[in-house]
Amino acid sequence: MALNPAVIFGAFQGARAAAQHQFLGSQFDRLAMGIANGVVQWGVGNQKNLALTGVAAGLGGTGTINPLLSKLIVPANVAIVLAAFTAAGLKGPLGTSLATVTAIAISQAFSTAGSYTGPSASVAIGADLSKISSANSGELVSTLKQTIAATAPGDGPALPKMATALGNGIANLLLQGTGIGAIQGGPIIPTVPGAGATNSQVV
């Protein structure tokens, strides 16, 4: 399953029950769709905004981290997202509830459907261990302003504050993410051990 807006939107739907403040109706649905569209537009297939660095080991040569054999794990750390909400001025039961739902939904979506890929200059067949090393929060905030406004029309004073809270919270949460993957390629013959760094993107 590829990481796409439908997956993230579904994760928000599944996580809404975890909130102290029950999110009901189409208003939450429109907000969730705007977040889902923004996160995918910003981070999937865009190494400039969301990138991993890792270490590979195995048989020497050149290869590629196979996205079908890679997995991301992002912990549902509500405190990280809540801190961003508090810093942006979104406090109280509504802010706490949205931060909780966001942390759970992003964690679930990336951990169940997220994968990554990138070149391996030193290992042709082996394993890769990576960590999300950069997440461009400023760009995510800008993207969310546009995608939330598109799905939940209205450019009111609350939108910049909400986009800032969500963008910083999601970016900081994703920086806790790690990945494990399999490298496939053409080994040197005769085979020799290989190890080296990798740079990847979420797919």
C-alpha atoms as a PDB file:
ATOM      1  CA  MET A   1       0.000   0.000   0.000  1.00  0.00           C
ATOM      2  CA  ALA A   2       1.461   3.349  -1.070  1.00  0.00           C
ATOM      3  CA  LEU A   3       1.445   6.378   1.184  1.00  0.00           C
ATOM      4  CA  ASN A   4      -1.188   8.623  -0.396  1.00  0.00           C
ATOM      5  CA  PRO A   5      -3.849  11.123   0.736  1.00  0.00           C
ATOM      6  CA  ALA A   6      -6.510   8.419   1.091  1.00  0.00           C
ATOM      7  CA  VAL A   7      -4.313   6.460   3.522  1.00  0.00           C
ATOM      8  CA  ILE A   8      -3.612   9.504   5.695  1.00  0.00           C
ATOM      9  CA  PHE A   9      -7.254  10.618   5.572  1.00  0.00           C
ATOM     10  CA  GLY A  10      -8.328   7.128   6.655  1.00  0.00           C
ATOM     11  CA  ALA A  11      -5.861   7.242   9.536  1.00  0.00           C
ATOM     12  CA  PHE A  12      -7.386  10.516  10.725  1.00  0.00           C
ATOM     13  CA  GLN A  13     -10.827   8.966  10.570  1.00  0.00           C
ATOM     14  CA  GLY A  14      -9.632   6.038  12.644  1.00  0.00           C
ATOM     15  CA  ALA A  15      -7.883   8.251  15.190  1.00  0.00           C
ATOM     16  CA  ARG A  16     -10.685  10.752  15.762  1.00  0.00           C
ATOM     17  CA  ALA A  17     -12.158   8.649  18.584  1.00  0.00           C
ATOM     18  CA  ALA A  18      -8.957   9.090  20.625  1.00  0.00           C
ATOM     19  CA  ALA A  19      -9.665  12.783  21.125  1.00  0.00           C
ATOM     20  CA  GLN A  20     -11.126  14.191  24.326  1.00  0.00           C
ATOM     21  CA  HIS A  21     -13.142  16.540  22.136  1.00  0.00           C
ATOM     22  CA  GLN A  22     -15.129  14.416  19.705  1.00  0.00           C
ATOM     23  CA  PHE A  23     -14.581  15.559  16.132  1.00  0.00           C
ATOM     24  CA  LEU A  24     -17.825  14.969  14.281  1.00  0.00           C
ATOM     25  CA  GLY A  25     -19.225  16.039  10.945  1.00  0.00           C
ATOM     26  CA  SER A  26     -17.888  17.268   7.654  1.00  0.00           C
ATOM     27  CA  GLN A  27     -15.762  20.076   9.087  1.00  0.00           C
ATOM     28  CA  PHE A  28     -13.287  17.591  10.537  1.00  0.00           C
ATOM     29  CA  ASP A  29     -13.398  15.563   7.319  1.00  0.00           C
ATOM     30  CA  ARG A  30     -12.469  18.602   5.238  1.00  0.00           C
ATOM     31  CA  LEU A  31      -9.640  19.509   7.613  1.00  0.00           C
ATOM     32  CA  ALA A  32      -8.328  15.927   7.581  1.00  0.00           C
ATOM     33  CA  MET A  33      -8.380  15.861   3.782  1.00  0.00           C
ATOM     34  CA  GLY A  34      -6.471  19.153   3.645  1.00  0.00           C
ATOM     35  CA  ILE A  35      -3.826  17.799   6.013  1.00  0.00           C
ATOM     36  CA  ALA A  36      -3.557  14.544   4.054  1.00  0.00           C
ATOM     37  CA  ASN A  37      -3.155  16.342   0.740  1.00  0.00           C
ATOM     38  CA  GLY A  38      -0.590  18.715   2.196  1.00  0.00           C
ATOM     39  CA  VAL A  39       1.583  16.066   3.829  1.00  0.00           C
ATOM     40  CA  VAL A  40       1.720  13.958   0.660  1.00  0.00           C
ATOM     41  CA  GLN A  41       2.364  16.941  -1.614  1.00  0.00           C
ATOM     42  CA  TRP A  42       5.114  18.129   0.706  1.00  0.00           C
ATOM     43  CA  GLY A  43       6.914  14.937   1.646  1.00  0.00           C
ATOM     44  CA  VAL A  44       6.260  11.961  -0.614  1.00  0.00           C
ATOM     45  CA  GLY A  45       8.849  11.725  -3.349  1.00  0.00           C
ATOM     46  CA  ASN A  46      10.341  15.068  -2.319  1.00  0.00           C
ATOM     47  CA  GLN A  47      13.745  14.584  -0.735  1.00  0.00           C
ATOM     48  CA  LYS A  48      14.213  18.342  -0.452  1.00  0.00           C
ATOM     49  CA  ASN A  49      11.463  18.432   2.163  1.00  0.00           C
ATOM     50  CA  LEU A  50      11.631  14.994   3.790  1.00  0.00           C
ATOM     51  CA  ALA A  51      14.802  12.918   3.715  1.00  0.00           C
ATOM     52  CA  LEU A  52      16.450   9.942   5.369  1.00  0.00           C
ATOM     53  CA  THR A  53      20.108   9.143   5.939  1.00  0.00           C
ATOM     54  CA  GLY A  54      21.291   5.674   6.767  1.00  0.00           C
ATOM     55  CA  VAL A  55      23.979   3.037   6.892  1.00  0.00           C
ATOM     56  CA  ALA A  56      24.065   0.023   4.593  1.00  0.00           C
ATOM     57  CA  ALA A  57      26.012  -3.228   4.929  1.00  0.00           C
ATOM     58  CA  GLY A  58      26.243  -6.366   2.825  1.00  0.00           C
ATOM     59  CA  LEU A  59      27.967  -7.376  -0.396  1.00  0.00           C
ATOM     60  CA  GLY A  60      29.982  -4.665  -2.084  1.00  0.00           C
ATOM     61  CA  GLY A  61      28.802  -3.005  -5.281  1.00  0.00           C
ATOM     62  CA  THR A  62      26.044  -0.598  -6.236  1.00  0.00           C
ATOM     63  CA  GLY A  63      22.375  -1.071  -5.590  1.00  0.00           C
ATOM     64  CA  THR A  64      19.090   0.530  -4.644  1.00  0.00           C
ATOM     65  CA  ILE A  65      16.944   0.331  -1.537  1.00  0.00           C
ATOM     66  CA  ASN A  66      13.873  -1.551  -2.749  1.00  0.00           C
ATOM     67  CA  PRO A  67      10.768   0.424  -1.693  1.00  0.00           C
ATOM     68  CA  LEU A  68       8.718  -2.775  -1.701  1.00  0.00           C
ATOM     69  CA  LEU A  69      11.063  -4.236   0.913  1.00  0.00           C
ATOM     70  CA  SER A  70      11.457  -1.152   3.091  1.00  0.00           C
ATOM     71  CA  LYS A  71       9.431   0.033   6.055  1.00  0.00           C
ATOM     72  CA  LEU A  72       9.096   3.226   8.055  1.00  0.00           C
ATOM     73  CA  ILE A  73       8.339   3.397  11.765  1.00  0.00           C
ATOM     74  CA  VAL A  74       7.116   6.685  13.231  1.00  0.00           C
ATOM     75  CA  PRO A  75       6.178   6.665  16.935  1.00  0.00           C
ATOM     76  CA  ALA A  76       2.876   8.257  17.977  1.00  0.00           C
ATOM     77  CA  ASN A  77       4.511  10.773  20.302  1.00  0.00           C
ATOM     78  CA  VAL A  78       1.616  13.060  21.206  1.00  0.00           C
ATOM     79  CA  ALA A  79       3.825  15.272  23.408  1.00  0.00           C
ATOM     80  CA  ILE A  80       5.911  16.381  20.421  1.00  0.00           C
ATOM     81  CA  VAL A  81       2.886  17.490  18.422  1.00  0.00           C
ATOM     82  CA  LEU A  82       1.231  19.034  21.477  1.00  0.00           C
ATOM     83  CA  ALA A  83       4.345  21.134  22.122  1.00  0.00           C
ATOM     84  CA  ALA A  84       4.091  22.599  18.619  1.00  0.00           C
ATOM     85  CA  PHE A  85       0.407  23.349  19.138  1.00  0.00           C
ATOM     86  CA  THR A  86       1.124  25.083  22.432  1.00  0.00           C
ATOM     87  CA  ALA A  87       3.919  27.136  20.872  1.00  0.00           C
ATOM     88  CA  ALA A  88       1.552  28.232  18.092  1.00  0.00           C
ATOM     89  CA  GLY A  89      -1.096  29.281  20.605  1.00  0.00           C
ATOM     90  CA  LEU A  90      -3.539  26.416  20.034  1.00  0.00           C
ATOM     91  CA  LYS A  91      -4.291  25.442  23.615  1.00  0.00           C
ATOM     92  CA  GLY A  92      -7.207  24.000  25.525  1.00  0.00           C
ATOM     93  CA  PRO A  93      -9.312  20.877  24.880  1.00  0.00           C
ATOM     94  CA  LEU A  94      -9.669  21.488  21.128  1.00  0.00           C
ATOM     95  CA  GLY A  95      -5.937  21.985  20.571  1.00  0.00           C
ATOM     96  CA  THR A  96      -5.047  19.010  22.737  1.00  0.00           C
ATOM     97  CA  SER A  97      -7.547  16.819  20.911  1.00  0.00           C
ATOM     98  CA  LEU A  98      -6.370  17.816  17.437  1.00  0.00           C
ATOM     99  CA  ALA A  99      -2.724  17.324  18.444  1.00  0.00           C
ATOM    100  CA  THR A 100      -3.556  13.856  19.770  1.00  0.00           C
ATOM    101  CA  VAL A 101      -5.443  12.812  16.654  1.00  0.00           C
ATOM    102  CA  THR A 102      -2.704  14.210  14.401  1.00  0.00           C
ATOM    103  CA  ALA A 103       0.094  12.342  16.188  1.00  0.00           C
ATOM    104  CA  ILE A 104      -1.793   9.048  16.081  1.00  0.00           C
ATOM    105  CA  ALA A 105      -2.910   9.445  12.466  1.00  0.00           C
ATOM    106  CA  ILE A 106       0.475  10.460  11.040  1.00  0.00           C
ATOM    107  CA  SER A 107       2.198   7.694  12.984  1.00  0.00           C
ATOM    108  CA  GLN A 108      -0.256   5.069  11.766  1.00  0.00           C
ATOM    109  CA  ALA A 109      -0.210   6.193   8.141  1.00  0.00           C
ATOM    110  CA  PHE A 110       3.579   6.368   7.839  1.00  0.00           C
ATOM    111  CA  SER A 111       4.170   3.182   9.838  1.00  0.00           C
ATOM    112  CA  THR A 112       1.648   1.079   7.928  1.00  0.00           C
ATOM    113  CA  ALA A 113       1.991   2.436   4.385  1.00  0.00           C
ATOM    114  CA  GLY A 114       5.240   4.407   4.288  1.00  0.00           C
ATOM    115  CA  SER A 115       8.347   3.144   2.549  1.00  0.00           C
ATOM    116  CA  TYR A 116      11.547   4.691   1.255  1.00  0.00           C
ATOM    117  CA  THR A 117      14.099   4.318  -1.506  1.00  0.00           C
ATOM    118  CA  GLY A 118      17.488   5.635  -2.497  1.00  0.00           C
ATOM    119  CA  PRO A 119      20.771   4.663  -4.139  1.00  0.00           C
ATOM    120  CA  SER A 120      23.457   2.620  -2.423  1.00  0.00           C
ATOM    121  CA  ALA A 121      26.920   3.440  -3.722  1.00  0.00           C
ATOM    122  CA  SER A 122      28.798   0.830  -1.672  1.00  0.00           C
ATOM    123  CA  VAL A 123      26.405  -2.081  -1.106  1.00  0.00           C
ATOM    124  CA  ALA A 124      24.713  -4.132  -3.820  1.00  0.00           C
ATOM    125  CA  ILE A 125      22.934  -6.736  -1.735  1.00  0.00           C
ATOM    126  CA  GLY A 126      22.303  -6.167   1.943  1.00  0.00           C
ATOM    127  CA  ALA A 127      20.377  -4.251   4.561  1.00  0.00           C
ATOM    128  CA  ASP A 128      19.898  -0.567   5.256  1.00  0.00           C
ATOM    129  CA  LEU A 129      19.083   1.155   8.541  1.00  0.00           C
ATOM    130  CA  SER A 130      17.947   4.749   8.141  1.00  0.00           C
ATOM    131  CA  LYS A 131      16.553   7.649  10.112  1.00  0.00           C
ATOM    132  CA  ILE A 132      14.462  10.582   8.978  1.00  0.00           C
ATOM    133  CA  SER A 133      17.109  13.259   9.218  1.00  0.00           C
ATOM    134  CA  SER A 134      15.430  16.329   7.777  1.00  0.00           C
ATOM    135  CA  ALA A 135      11.854  17.577   7.629  1.00  0.00           C
ATOM    136  CA  ASN A 136      11.325  21.066   6.226  1.00  0.00           C
ATOM    137  CA  SER A 137       8.726  22.415   8.633  1.00  0.00           C
ATOM    138  CA  GLY A 138       8.550  25.863   7.043  1.00  0.00           C
ATOM    139  CA  GLU A 139       7.644  24.407   3.678  1.00  0.00           C
ATOM    140  CA  LEU A 140       5.066  22.114   5.268  1.00  0.00           C
ATOM    141  CA  VAL A 141       3.411  25.065   7.008  1.00  0.00           C
ATOM    142  CA  SER A 142       3.159  26.910   3.675  1.00  0.00           C
ATOM    143  CA  THR A 143       1.802  23.847   1.899  1.00  0.00           C
ATOM    144  CA  LEU A 144      -0.809  23.179   4.587  1.00  0.00           C
ATOM    145  CA  LYS A 145      -2.091  26.748   4.374  1.00  0.00           C
ATOM    146  CA  GLN A 146      -2.895  26.107   0.723  1.00  0.00           C
ATOM    147  CA  THR A 147      -4.269  22.583   0.970  1.00  0.00           C
ATOM    148  CA  ILE A 148      -6.423  23.215   4.047  1.00  0.00           C
ATOM    149  CA  ALA A 149      -7.826  26.382   2.466  1.00  0.00           C
ATOM    150  CA  ALA A 150      -8.677  24.347  -0.644  1.00  0.00           C
ATOM    151  CA  THR A 151     -10.631  21.652   1.197  1.00  0.00           C
ATOM    152  CA  ALA A 152     -12.028  23.774   4.029  1.00  0.00           C
ATOM    153  CA  PRO A 153     -12.661  27.142   2.344  1.00  0.00           C
ATOM    154  CA  GLY A 154     -12.094  30.256   4.399  1.00  0.00           C
ATOM    155  CA  ASP A 155      -8.831  32.122   4.883  1.00  0.00           C
ATOM    156  CA  GLY A 156      -9.599  33.345   8.377  1.00  0.00           C
ATOM    157  CA  PRO A 157      -7.151  34.394  11.097  1.00  0.00           C
ATOM    158  CA  ALA A 158      -7.134  30.869  12.547  1.00  0.00           C
ATOM    159  CA  LEU A 159      -5.677  29.273   9.405  1.00  0.00           C
ATOM    160  CA  PRO A 160      -2.052  30.509   9.745  1.00  0.00           C
ATOM    161  CA  LYS A 161      -2.013  29.522  13.412  1.00  0.00           C
ATOM    162  CA  MET A 162      -3.443  26.064  12.685  1.00  0.00           C
ATOM    163  CA  ALA A 163      -1.101  25.483   9.736  1.00  0.00           C
ATOM    164  CA  THR A 164       1.880  26.511  11.886  1.00  0.00           C
ATOM    165  CA  ALA A 165       0.870  24.150  14.692  1.00  0.00           C
ATOM    166  CA  LEU A 166       0.226  21.257  12.327  1.00  0.00           C
ATOM    167  CA  GLY A 167       3.275  21.833  10.127  1.00  0.00           C
ATOM    168  CA  ASN A 168       5.750  22.124  12.979  1.00  0.00           C
ATOM    169  CA  GLY A 169       4.126  19.301  14.925  1.00  0.00           C
ATOM    170  CA  ILE A 170       4.060  16.866  12.022  1.00  0.00           C
ATOM    171  CA  ALA A 171       7.604  17.708  10.923  1.00  0.00           C
ATOM    172  CA  ASN A 172       8.961  17.276  14.449  1.00  0.00           C
ATOM    173  CA  LEU A 173       7.081  13.999  14.827  1.00  0.00           C
ATOM    174  CA  LEU A 174       8.458  12.631  11.564  1.00  0.00           C
ATOM    175  CA  LEU A 175      12.001  13.418  12.715  1.00  0.00           C
ATOM    176  CA  GLN A 176      11.525  10.599  15.232  1.00  0.00           C
ATOM    177  CA  GLY A 177      10.992   8.138  12.384  1.00  0.00           C
ATOM    178  CA  THR A 178      13.321   5.335  11.373  1.00  0.00           C
ATOM    179  CA  GLY A 179      13.442   2.916   8.476  1.00  0.00           C
ATOM    180  CA  ILE A 180      14.713  -0.522   7.609  1.00  0.00           C
ATOM    181  CA  GLY A 181      15.136  -1.725   4.060  1.00  0.00           C
ATOM    182  CA  ALA A 182      16.678  -4.276   1.719  1.00  0.00           C
ATOM    183  CA  ILE A 183      19.206  -3.307  -0.936  1.00  0.00           C
ATOM    184  CA  GLN A 184      19.242  -4.991  -4.316  1.00  0.00           C
ATOM    185  CA  GLY A 185      21.724  -4.536  -7.125  1.00  0.00           C
ATOM    186  CA  GLY A 186      24.791  -5.931  -8.824  1.00  0.00           C
ATOM    187  CA  PRO A 187      27.522  -7.200  -6.481  1.00  0.00           C
ATOM    188  CA  ILE A 188      31.205  -7.109  -7.280  1.00  0.00           C
ATOM    189  CA  ILE A 189      32.523 -10.482  -8.483  1.00  0.00           C
ATOM    190  CA  PRO A 190      34.208 -12.084  -6.672  1.00  0.00           C
ATOM    191  CA  THR A 191      32.042 -10.861  -3.817  1.00  0.00           C
ATOM    192  CA  VAL A 192      33.498  -8.657  -1.102  1.00  0.00           C
ATOM    193  CA  PRO A 193      31.946  -7.063   1.975  1.00  0.00           C
ATOM    194  CA  GLY A 194      30.616  -3.556   1.555  1.00  0.00           C
ATOM    195  CA  ALA A 195      29.331  -0.785   3.786  1.00  0.00           C
ATOM    196  CA  GLY A 196      28.447   2.836   3.343  1.00  0.00           C
ATOM    197  CA  ALA A 197      26.038   5.725   3.780  1.00  0.00           C
ATOM    198  CA  THR A 198      22.679   6.084   2.055  1.00  0.00           C
ATOM    199  CA  ASN A 199      20.430   9.052   1.324  1.00  0.00           C
ATOM    200  CA  SER A 200      16.777   8.314   0.639  1.00  0.00           C
ATOM    201  CA  GLN A 201      13.310   9.723   0.155  1.00  0.00           C
ATOM    202  CA  VAL A 202       9.869   8.640   1.313  1.00  0.00           C
ATOM    203  CA  VAL A 203       7.682   6.988  -1.313  1.00  0.00           C
END
